[in-house]
Amino acid sequence: MPPPRPTRCLLVYPKFSDASFWNFADIMPMAGRKYITQPLGLITVAAMLPEGWECRLVDLNTRTLEAADLAWADLVMTGGMITQ
């Protein structure tokens, strides 16, 4: 019998509202970036998950969540700030 497949965990960081102070959309072209901050909370959680788990991060400030992302995952986690 083959060993079990590792648990797949999808970490989804919510998008900031267009009306939020934390939405830096107007300065991103000047900085040459899609978004200025990193989802450090979710990255920290990923580091605390069991060693054999596969993790993917989707930052909704930089791209959309696709059906394929959800189909890949066994578990979906999210985090964020109150403004999100």
PDB file of N, CA and C in Angstrom:
ATOM      1  N   MET A   1       0.850  -1.189   0.000  1.00  0.00           N
ATOM      2  CA  MET A   1       0.000   0.000   0.000  1.00  0.00           C
ATOM      3  C   MET A   1       0.895   1.251   0.000  1.00  0.00           C
ATOM      4  N   PRO A   2       0.636   2.192  -0.910  1.00  0.00           N
ATOM      5  CA  PRO A   2       1.471   3.402  -0.961  1.00  0.00           C
ATOM      6  C   PRO A   2       1.237   4.285   0.259  1.00  0.00           C
ATOM      7  N   PRO A   3       2.244   5.079   0.620  1.00  0.00           N
ATOM      8  CA  PRO A   3       2.059   5.989   1.755  1.00  0.00           C
ATOM      9  C   PRO A   3       0.988   7.028   1.426  1.00  0.00           C
ATOM     10  N   PRO A   4       0.314   7.536   2.454  1.00  0.00           N
ATOM     11  CA  PRO A   4      -0.731   8.534   2.196  1.00  0.00           C
ATOM     12  C   PRO A   4      -0.138   9.833   1.648  1.00  0.00           C
ATOM     13  N   ARG A   5      -0.926  10.508   0.846  1.00  0.00           N
ATOM     14  CA  ARG A   5      -0.525  11.803   0.284  1.00  0.00           C
ATOM     15  C   ARG A   5      -0.510  12.844   1.399  1.00  0.00           C
ATOM     16  N   PRO A   6       0.457  13.780   1.377  1.00  0.00           N
ATOM     17  CA  PRO A   6       0.479  14.828   2.410  1.00  0.00           C
ATOM     18  C   PRO A   6      -0.773  15.701   2.351  1.00  0.00           C
ATOM     19  N   THR A   7      -1.154  16.242   3.476  1.00  0.00           N
ATOM     20  CA  THR A   7      -2.280  17.171   3.536  1.00  0.00           C
ATOM     21  C   THR A   7      -1.916  18.442   2.770  1.00  0.00           C
ATOM     22  N   ARG A   8      -2.859  18.908   1.972  1.00  0.00           N
ATOM     23  CA  ARG A   8      -2.655  20.127   1.182  1.00  0.00           C
ATOM     24  C   ARG A   8      -3.427  21.271   1.831  1.00  0.00           C
ATOM     25  N   CYS A   9      -2.718  22.307   2.204  1.00  0.00           N
ATOM     26  CA  CYS A   9      -3.316  23.447   2.904  1.00  0.00           C
ATOM     27  C   CYS A   9      -3.202  24.700   2.042  1.00  0.00           C
ATOM     28  N   LEU A  10      -4.341  25.309   1.763  1.00  0.00           N
ATOM     29  CA  LEU A  10      -4.391  26.548   0.998  1.00  0.00           C
ATOM     30  C   LEU A  10      -4.596  27.698   1.976  1.00  0.00           C
ATOM     31  N   LEU A  11      -3.695  28.657   1.957  1.00  0.00           N
ATOM     32  CA  LEU A  11      -3.778  29.828   2.823  1.00  0.00           C
ATOM     33  C   LEU A  11      -4.227  31.012   1.969  1.00  0.00           C
ATOM     34  N   VAL A  12      -5.364  31.613   2.317  1.00  0.00           N
ATOM     35  CA  VAL A  12      -5.957  32.685   1.505  1.00  0.00           C
ATOM     36  C   VAL A  12      -5.951  33.987   2.304  1.00  0.00           C
ATOM     37  N   TYR A  13      -5.252  34.983   1.778  1.00  0.00           N
ATOM     38  CA  TYR A  13      -5.186  36.299   2.403  1.00  0.00           C
ATOM     39  C   TYR A  13      -6.212  37.206   1.751  1.00  0.00           C
ATOM     40  N   PRO A  14      -7.158  37.764   2.520  1.00  0.00           N
ATOM     41  CA  PRO A  14      -8.250  38.568   1.936  1.00  0.00           C
ATOM     42  C   PRO A  14      -7.774  39.867   1.296  1.00  0.00           C
ATOM     43  N   LYS A  15      -8.581  40.357   0.389  1.00  0.00           N
ATOM     44  CA  LYS A  15      -8.307  41.620  -0.311  1.00  0.00           C
ATOM     45  C   LYS A  15      -8.744  42.791   0.562  1.00  0.00           C
ATOM     46  N   PHE A  16      -7.953  43.840   0.522  1.00  0.00           N
ATOM     47  CA  PHE A  16      -8.341  45.073   1.201  1.00  0.00           C
ATOM     48  C   PHE A  16      -9.355  45.816   0.345  1.00  0.00           C
ATOM     49  N   SER A  17     -10.327  46.421   0.967  1.00  0.00           N
ATOM     50  CA  SER A  17     -11.344  47.214   0.285  1.00  0.00           C
ATOM     51  C   SER A  17     -10.698  48.380  -0.449  1.00  0.00           C
ATOM     52  N   ASP A  18     -11.303  48.790  -1.559  1.00  0.00           N
ATOM     53  CA  ASP A  18     -10.801  49.943  -2.305  1.00  0.00           C
ATOM     54  C   ASP A  18     -10.861  51.228  -1.483  1.00  0.00           C
ATOM     55  N   ALA A  19     -11.761  51.285  -0.496  1.00  0.00           N
ATOM     56  CA  ALA A  19     -11.922  52.480   0.331  1.00  0.00           C
ATOM     57  C   ALA A  19     -11.028  52.448   1.569  1.00  0.00           C
ATOM     58  N   SER A  20     -10.242  51.399   1.751  1.00  0.00           N
ATOM     59  CA  SER A  20      -9.419  51.245   2.947  1.00  0.00           C
ATOM     60  C   SER A  20      -8.128  52.054   2.860  1.00  0.00           C
ATOM     61  N   PHE A  21      -7.688  52.538   4.006  1.00  0.00           N
ATOM     62  CA  PHE A  21      -6.386  53.191   4.108  1.00  0.00           C
ATOM     63  C   PHE A  21      -5.274  52.229   3.694  1.00  0.00           C
ATOM     64  N   TRP A  22      -5.476  50.940   3.939  1.00  0.00           N
ATOM     65  CA  TRP A  22      -4.459  49.919   3.690  1.00  0.00           C
ATOM     66  C   TRP A  22      -4.396  49.490   2.225  1.00  0.00           C
ATOM     67  N   ASN A  23      -5.257  50.014   1.376  1.00  0.00           N
ATOM     68  CA  ASN A  23      -5.210  49.684  -0.041  1.00  0.00           C
ATOM     69  C   ASN A  23      -4.242  50.657  -0.708  1.00  0.00           C
ATOM     70  N   PHE A  24      -3.125  50.133  -1.136  1.00  0.00           N
ATOM     71  CA  PHE A  24      -2.077  50.975  -1.710  1.00  0.00           C
ATOM     72  C   PHE A  24      -2.099  50.961  -3.237  1.00  0.00           C
ATOM     73  N   ALA A  25      -3.271  50.753  -3.835  1.00  0.00           N
ATOM     74  CA  ALA A  25      -3.384  50.578  -5.284  1.00  0.00           C
ATOM     75  C   ALA A  25      -2.823  51.761  -6.069  1.00  0.00           C
ATOM     76  N   ASP A  26      -2.957  52.962  -5.556  1.00  0.00           N
ATOM     77  CA  ASP A  26      -2.503  54.142  -6.301  1.00  0.00           C
ATOM     78  C   ASP A  26      -0.984  54.262  -6.377  1.00  0.00           C
ATOM     79  N   ILE A  27      -0.274  53.704  -5.385  1.00  0.00           N
ATOM     80  CA  ILE A  27       1.183  53.831  -5.413  1.00  0.00           C
ATOM     81  C   ILE A  27       1.898  52.587  -5.943  1.00  0.00           C
ATOM     82  N   MET A  28       1.166  51.504  -6.151  1.00  0.00           N
ATOM     83  CA  MET A  28       1.802  50.276  -6.638  1.00  0.00           C
ATOM     84  C   MET A  28       2.480  50.450  -7.999  1.00  0.00           C
ATOM     85  N   PRO A  29       1.875  51.158  -8.968  1.00  0.00           N
ATOM     86  CA  PRO A  29       2.587  51.357 -10.245  1.00  0.00           C
ATOM     87  C   PRO A  29       3.919  52.099 -10.062  1.00  0.00           C
ATOM     88  N   MET A  30       3.957  53.041  -9.130  1.00  0.00           N
ATOM     89  CA  MET A  30       5.207  53.775  -8.876  1.00  0.00           C
ATOM     90  C   MET A  30       6.264  52.867  -8.267  1.00  0.00           C
ATOM     91  N   ALA A  31       5.827  51.936  -7.436  1.00  0.00           N
ATOM     92  CA  ALA A  31       6.762  51.015  -6.786  1.00  0.00           C
ATOM     93  C   ALA A  31       7.111  49.826  -7.680  1.00  0.00           C
ATOM     94  N   GLY A  32       6.363  49.648  -8.768  1.00  0.00           N
ATOM     95  CA  GLY A  32       6.616  48.531  -9.662  1.00  0.00           C
ATOM     96  C   GLY A  32       6.252  47.194  -9.048  1.00  0.00           C
ATOM     97  N   ARG A  33       5.248  47.196  -8.177  1.00  0.00           N
ATOM     98  CA  ARG A  33       4.843  45.978  -7.477  1.00  0.00           C
ATOM     99  C   ARG A  33       3.350  45.774  -7.598  1.00  0.00           C
ATOM    100  N   LYS A  34       2.905  44.528  -7.334  1.00  0.00           N
ATOM    101  CA  LYS A  34       1.469  44.242  -7.317  1.00  0.00           C
ATOM    102  C   LYS A  34       0.855  44.659  -5.989  1.00  0.00           C
ATOM    103  N   TYR A  35       1.609  44.455  -4.910  1.00  0.00           N
ATOM    104  CA  TYR A  35       1.134  44.873  -3.587  1.00  0.00           C
ATOM    105  C   TYR A  35       2.347  45.080  -2.706  1.00  0.00           C
ATOM    106  N   ILE A  36       2.240  45.959  -1.728  1.00  0.00           N
ATOM    107  CA  ILE A  36       3.416  46.401  -0.984  1.00  0.00           C
ATOM    108  C   ILE A  36       3.721  45.569   0.273  1.00  0.00           C
ATOM    109  N   THR A  37       2.747  44.901   0.831  1.00  0.00           N
ATOM    110  CA  THR A  37       2.996  44.153   2.069  1.00  0.00           C
ATOM    111  C   THR A  37       2.834  42.654   1.850  1.00  0.00           C
ATOM    112  N   GLN A  38       3.366  41.890   2.773  1.00  0.00           N
ATOM    113  CA  GLN A  38       3.284  40.442   2.715  1.00  0.00           C
ATOM    114  C   GLN A  38       2.324  39.946   3.797  1.00  0.00           C
ATOM    115  N   PRO A  39       1.638  38.848   3.542  1.00  0.00           N
ATOM    116  CA  PRO A  39       0.729  38.279   4.551  1.00  0.00           C
ATOM    117  C   PRO A  39       1.521  37.476   5.595  1.00  0.00           C
ATOM    118  N   LEU A  40       2.238  38.194   6.459  1.00  0.00           N
ATOM    119  CA  LEU A  40       3.155  37.546   7.398  1.00  0.00           C
ATOM    120  C   LEU A  40       2.457  36.613   8.380  1.00  0.00           C
ATOM    121  N   GLY A  41       1.221  36.932   8.770  1.00  0.00           N
ATOM    122  CA  GLY A  41       0.498  36.066   9.694  1.00  0.00           C
ATOM    123  C   GLY A  41       0.281  34.682   9.111  1.00  0.00           C
ATOM    124  N   LEU A  42      -0.159  34.619   7.864  1.00  0.00           N
ATOM    125  CA  LEU A  42      -0.397  33.317   7.225  1.00  0.00           C
ATOM    126  C   LEU A  42       0.906  32.585   6.942  1.00  0.00           C
ATOM    127  N   ILE A  43       1.953  33.327   6.615  1.00  0.00           N
ATOM    128  CA  ILE A  43       3.251  32.691   6.391  1.00  0.00           C
ATOM    129  C   ILE A  43       3.754  32.072   7.690  1.00  0.00           C
ATOM    130  N   THR A  44       3.524  32.750   8.807  1.00  0.00           N
ATOM    131  CA  THR A  44       3.911  32.215  10.107  1.00  0.00           C
ATOM    132  C   THR A  44       3.119  30.959  10.437  1.00  0.00           C
ATOM    133  N   VAL A  45       1.820  30.975  10.166  1.00  0.00           N
ATOM    134  CA  VAL A  45       0.990  29.786  10.393  1.00  0.00           C
ATOM    135  C   VAL A  45       1.497  28.626   9.544  1.00  0.00           C
ATOM    136  N   ALA A  46       1.837  28.887   8.298  1.00  0.00           N
ATOM    137  CA  ALA A  46       2.352  27.832   7.416  1.00  0.00           C
ATOM    138  C   ALA A  46       3.610  27.197   8.006  1.00  0.00           C
ATOM    139  N   ALA A  47       4.466  28.006   8.619  1.00  0.00           N
ATOM    140  CA  ALA A  47       5.692  27.482   9.222  1.00  0.00           C
ATOM    141  C   ALA A  47       5.411  26.601  10.432  1.00  0.00           C
ATOM    142  N   MET A  48       4.267  26.781  11.065  1.00  0.00           N
ATOM    143  CA  MET A  48       3.924  25.988  12.256  1.00  0.00           C
ATOM    144  C   MET A  48       3.151  24.710  11.926  1.00  0.00           C
ATOM    145  N   LEU A  49       2.743  24.538  10.683  1.00  0.00           N
ATOM    146  CA  LEU A  49       2.007  23.334  10.295  1.00  0.00           C
ATOM    147  C   LEU A  49       2.947  22.127  10.268  1.00  0.00           C
ATOM    148  N   PRO A  50       2.399  20.922  10.330  1.00  0.00           N
ATOM    149  CA  PRO A  50       3.253  19.732  10.302  1.00  0.00           C
ATOM    150  C   PRO A  50       4.191  19.720   9.104  1.00  0.00           C
ATOM    151  N   GLU A  51       5.373  19.176   9.307  1.00  0.00           N
ATOM    152  CA  GLU A  51       6.452  19.235   8.324  1.00  0.00           C
ATOM    153  C   GLU A  51       6.080  18.658   6.965  1.00  0.00           C
ATOM    154  N   GLY A  52       5.306  17.623   6.915  1.00  0.00           N
ATOM    155  CA  GLY A  52       4.996  16.978   5.649  1.00  0.00           C
ATOM    156  C   GLY A  52       3.882  17.622   4.841  1.00  0.00           C
ATOM    157  N   TRP A  53       3.205  18.618   5.386  1.00  0.00           N
ATOM    158  CA  TRP A  53       2.089  19.242   4.683  1.00  0.00           C
ATOM    159  C   TRP A  53       2.588  20.079   3.507  1.00  0.00           C
ATOM    160  N   GLU A  54       1.777  20.124   2.448  1.00  0.00           N
ATOM    161  CA  GLU A  54       2.038  21.013   1.317  1.00  0.00           C
ATOM    162  C   GLU A  54       1.197  22.269   1.507  1.00  0.00           C
ATOM    163  N   CYS A  55       1.823  23.422   1.370  1.00  0.00           N
ATOM    164  CA  CYS A  55       1.107  24.694   1.559  1.00  0.00           C
ATOM    165  C   CYS A  55       1.219  25.556   0.312  1.00  0.00           C
ATOM    166  N   ARG A  56       0.142  26.255   0.017  1.00  0.00           N
ATOM    167  CA  ARG A  56       0.116  27.279  -1.030  1.00  0.00           C
ATOM    168  C   ARG A  56      -0.528  28.522  -0.445  1.00  0.00           C
ATOM    169  N   LEU A  57      -0.051  29.662  -0.889  1.00  0.00           N
ATOM    170  CA  LEU A  57      -0.576  30.943  -0.430  1.00  0.00           C
ATOM    171  C   LEU A  57      -1.183  31.687  -1.606  1.00  0.00           C
ATOM    172  N   VAL A  58      -2.403  32.186  -1.434  1.00  0.00           N
ATOM    173  CA  VAL A  58      -3.048  33.039  -2.428  1.00  0.00           C
ATOM    174  C   VAL A  58      -3.336  34.381  -1.753  1.00  0.00           C
ATOM    175  N   ASP A  59      -2.710  35.427  -2.245  1.00  0.00           N
ATOM    176  CA  ASP A  59      -2.941  36.782  -1.746  1.00  0.00           C
ATOM    177  C   ASP A  59      -3.940  37.443  -2.696  1.00  0.00           C
ATOM    178  N   LEU A  60      -5.147  37.666  -2.223  1.00  0.00           N
ATOM    179  CA  LEU A  60      -6.198  38.218  -3.080  1.00  0.00           C
ATOM    180  C   LEU A  60      -5.958  39.682  -3.447  1.00  0.00           C
ATOM    181  N   ASN A  61      -4.929  40.290  -2.873  1.00  0.00           N
ATOM    182  CA  ASN A  61      -4.541  41.637  -3.278  1.00  0.00           C
ATOM    183  C   ASN A  61      -3.718  41.610  -4.558  1.00  0.00           C
ATOM    184  N   THR A  62      -3.224  40.420  -4.941  1.00  0.00           N
ATOM    185  CA  THR A  62      -2.381  40.316  -6.123  1.00  0.00           C
ATOM    186  C   THR A  62      -2.963  39.442  -7.219  1.00  0.00           C
ATOM    187  N   ARG A  63      -3.919  38.572  -6.877  1.00  0.00           N
ATOM    188  CA  ARG A  63      -4.544  37.718  -7.895  1.00  0.00           C
ATOM    189  C   ARG A  63      -5.879  37.198  -7.379  1.00  0.00           C
ATOM    190  N   THR A  64      -6.627  36.547  -8.253  1.00  0.00           N
ATOM    191  CA  THR A  64      -7.929  36.016  -7.859  1.00  0.00           C
ATOM    192  C   THR A  64      -7.803  34.571  -7.393  1.00  0.00           C
ATOM    193  N   LEU A  65      -8.769  34.139  -6.632  1.00  0.00           N
ATOM    194  CA  LEU A  65      -8.850  32.759  -6.182  1.00  0.00           C
ATOM    195  C   LEU A  65      -9.543  31.956  -7.269  1.00  0.00           C
ATOM    196  N   GLU A  66      -8.893  30.933  -7.744  1.00  0.00           N
ATOM    197  CA  GLU A  66      -9.421  30.106  -8.830  1.00  0.00           C
ATOM    198  C   GLU A  66     -10.042  28.827  -8.275  1.00  0.00           C
ATOM    199  N   ALA A  67     -10.957  28.258  -9.023  1.00  0.00           N
ATOM    200  CA  ALA A  67     -11.570  26.985  -8.636  1.00  0.00           C
ATOM    201  C   ALA A  67     -10.511  25.899  -8.493  1.00  0.00           C
ATOM    202  N   ALA A  68      -9.477  25.958  -9.318  1.00  0.00           N
ATOM    203  CA  ALA A  68      -8.394  24.973  -9.245  1.00  0.00           C
ATOM    204  C   ALA A  68      -7.643  25.054  -7.920  1.00  0.00           C
ATOM    205  N   ASP A  69      -7.529  26.257  -7.345  1.00  0.00           N
ATOM    206  CA  ASP A  69      -6.893  26.408  -6.034  1.00  0.00           C
ATOM    207  C   ASP A  69      -7.670  25.627  -4.979  1.00  0.00           C
ATOM    208  N   LEU A  70      -8.987  25.797  -4.995  1.00  0.00           N
ATOM    209  CA  LEU A  70      -9.829  25.121  -4.015  1.00  0.00           C
ATOM    210  C   LEU A  70      -9.879  23.618  -4.248  1.00  0.00           C
ATOM    211  N   ALA A  71      -9.871  23.200  -5.506  1.00  0.00           N
ATOM    212  CA  ALA A  71      -9.896  21.768  -5.822  1.00  0.00           C
ATOM    213  C   ALA A  71      -8.611  21.090  -5.352  1.00  0.00           C
ATOM    214  N   TRP A  72      -7.499  21.795  -5.367  1.00  0.00           N
ATOM    215  CA  TRP A  72      -6.212  21.253  -4.941  1.00  0.00           C
ATOM    216  C   TRP A  72      -6.180  20.999  -3.434  1.00  0.00           C
ATOM    217  N   ALA A  73      -6.856  21.851  -2.668  1.00  0.00           N
ATOM    218  CA  ALA A  73      -6.704  21.883  -1.212  1.00  0.00           C
ATOM    219  C   ALA A  73      -7.560  20.851  -0.480  1.00  0.00           C
ATOM    220  N   ASP A  74      -6.987  20.334   0.610  1.00  0.00           N
ATOM    221  CA  ASP A  74      -7.742  19.531   1.567  1.00  0.00           C
ATOM    222  C   ASP A  74      -8.297  20.430   2.670  1.00  0.00           C
ATOM    223  N   LEU A  75      -7.614  21.532   2.896  1.00  0.00           N
ATOM    224  CA  LEU A  75      -7.925  22.439   3.998  1.00  0.00           C
ATOM    225  C   LEU A  75      -7.660  23.868   3.525  1.00  0.00           C
ATOM    226  N   VAL A  76      -8.569  24.797   3.848  1.00  0.00           N
ATOM    227  CA  VAL A  76      -8.377  26.207   3.497  1.00  0.00           C
ATOM    228  C   VAL A  76      -8.345  27.004   4.788  1.00  0.00           C
ATOM    229  N   MET A  77      -7.332  27.853   4.927  1.00  0.00           N
ATOM    230  CA  MET A  77      -7.202  28.740   6.090  1.00  0.00           C
ATOM    231  C   MET A  77      -7.170  30.171   5.586  1.00  0.00           C
ATOM    232  N   THR A  78      -7.654  31.076   6.397  1.00  0.00           N
ATOM    233  CA  THR A  78      -7.617  32.484   6.054  1.00  0.00           C
ATOM    234  C   THR A  78      -7.236  33.292   7.270  1.00  0.00           C
ATOM    235  N   GLY A  79      -6.881  34.509   7.057  1.00  0.00           N
ATOM    236  CA  GLY A  79      -6.529  35.416   8.137  1.00  0.00           C
ATOM    237  C   GLY A  79      -6.749  36.827   7.648  1.00  0.00           C
ATOM    238  N   GLY A  80      -6.326  37.790   8.400  1.00  0.00           N
ATOM    239  CA  GLY A  80      -6.480  39.149   7.945  1.00  0.00           C
ATOM    240  C   GLY A  80      -6.590  40.134   9.090  1.00  0.00           C
ATOM    241  N   MET A  81      -6.869  41.362   8.709  1.00  0.00           N
ATOM    242  CA  MET A  81      -7.045  42.442   9.672  1.00  0.00           C
ATOM    243  C   MET A  81      -8.509  42.860   9.673  1.00  0.00           C
ATOM    244  N   ILE A  82      -8.926  43.575  10.658  1.00  0.00           N
ATOM    245  CA  ILE A  82     -10.326  44.000  10.770  1.00  0.00           C
ATOM    246  C   ILE A  82     -10.751  44.778   9.531  1.00  0.00           C
ATOM    247  N   THR A  83      -9.858  45.556   8.946  1.00  0.00           N
ATOM    248  CA  THR A  83     -10.203  46.365   7.773  1.00  0.00           C
ATOM    249  C   THR A  83     -10.499  45.515   6.539  1.00  0.00           C
ATOM    250  N   GLN A  84     -10.155  44.246   6.577  1.00  0.00           N
ATOM    251  CA  GLN A  84     -10.426  43.389   5.441  1.00  0.00           C
ATOM    252  C   GLN A  84     -11.798  42.761   5.571  1.00  0.00           C
TER     253      GLN A  84
END
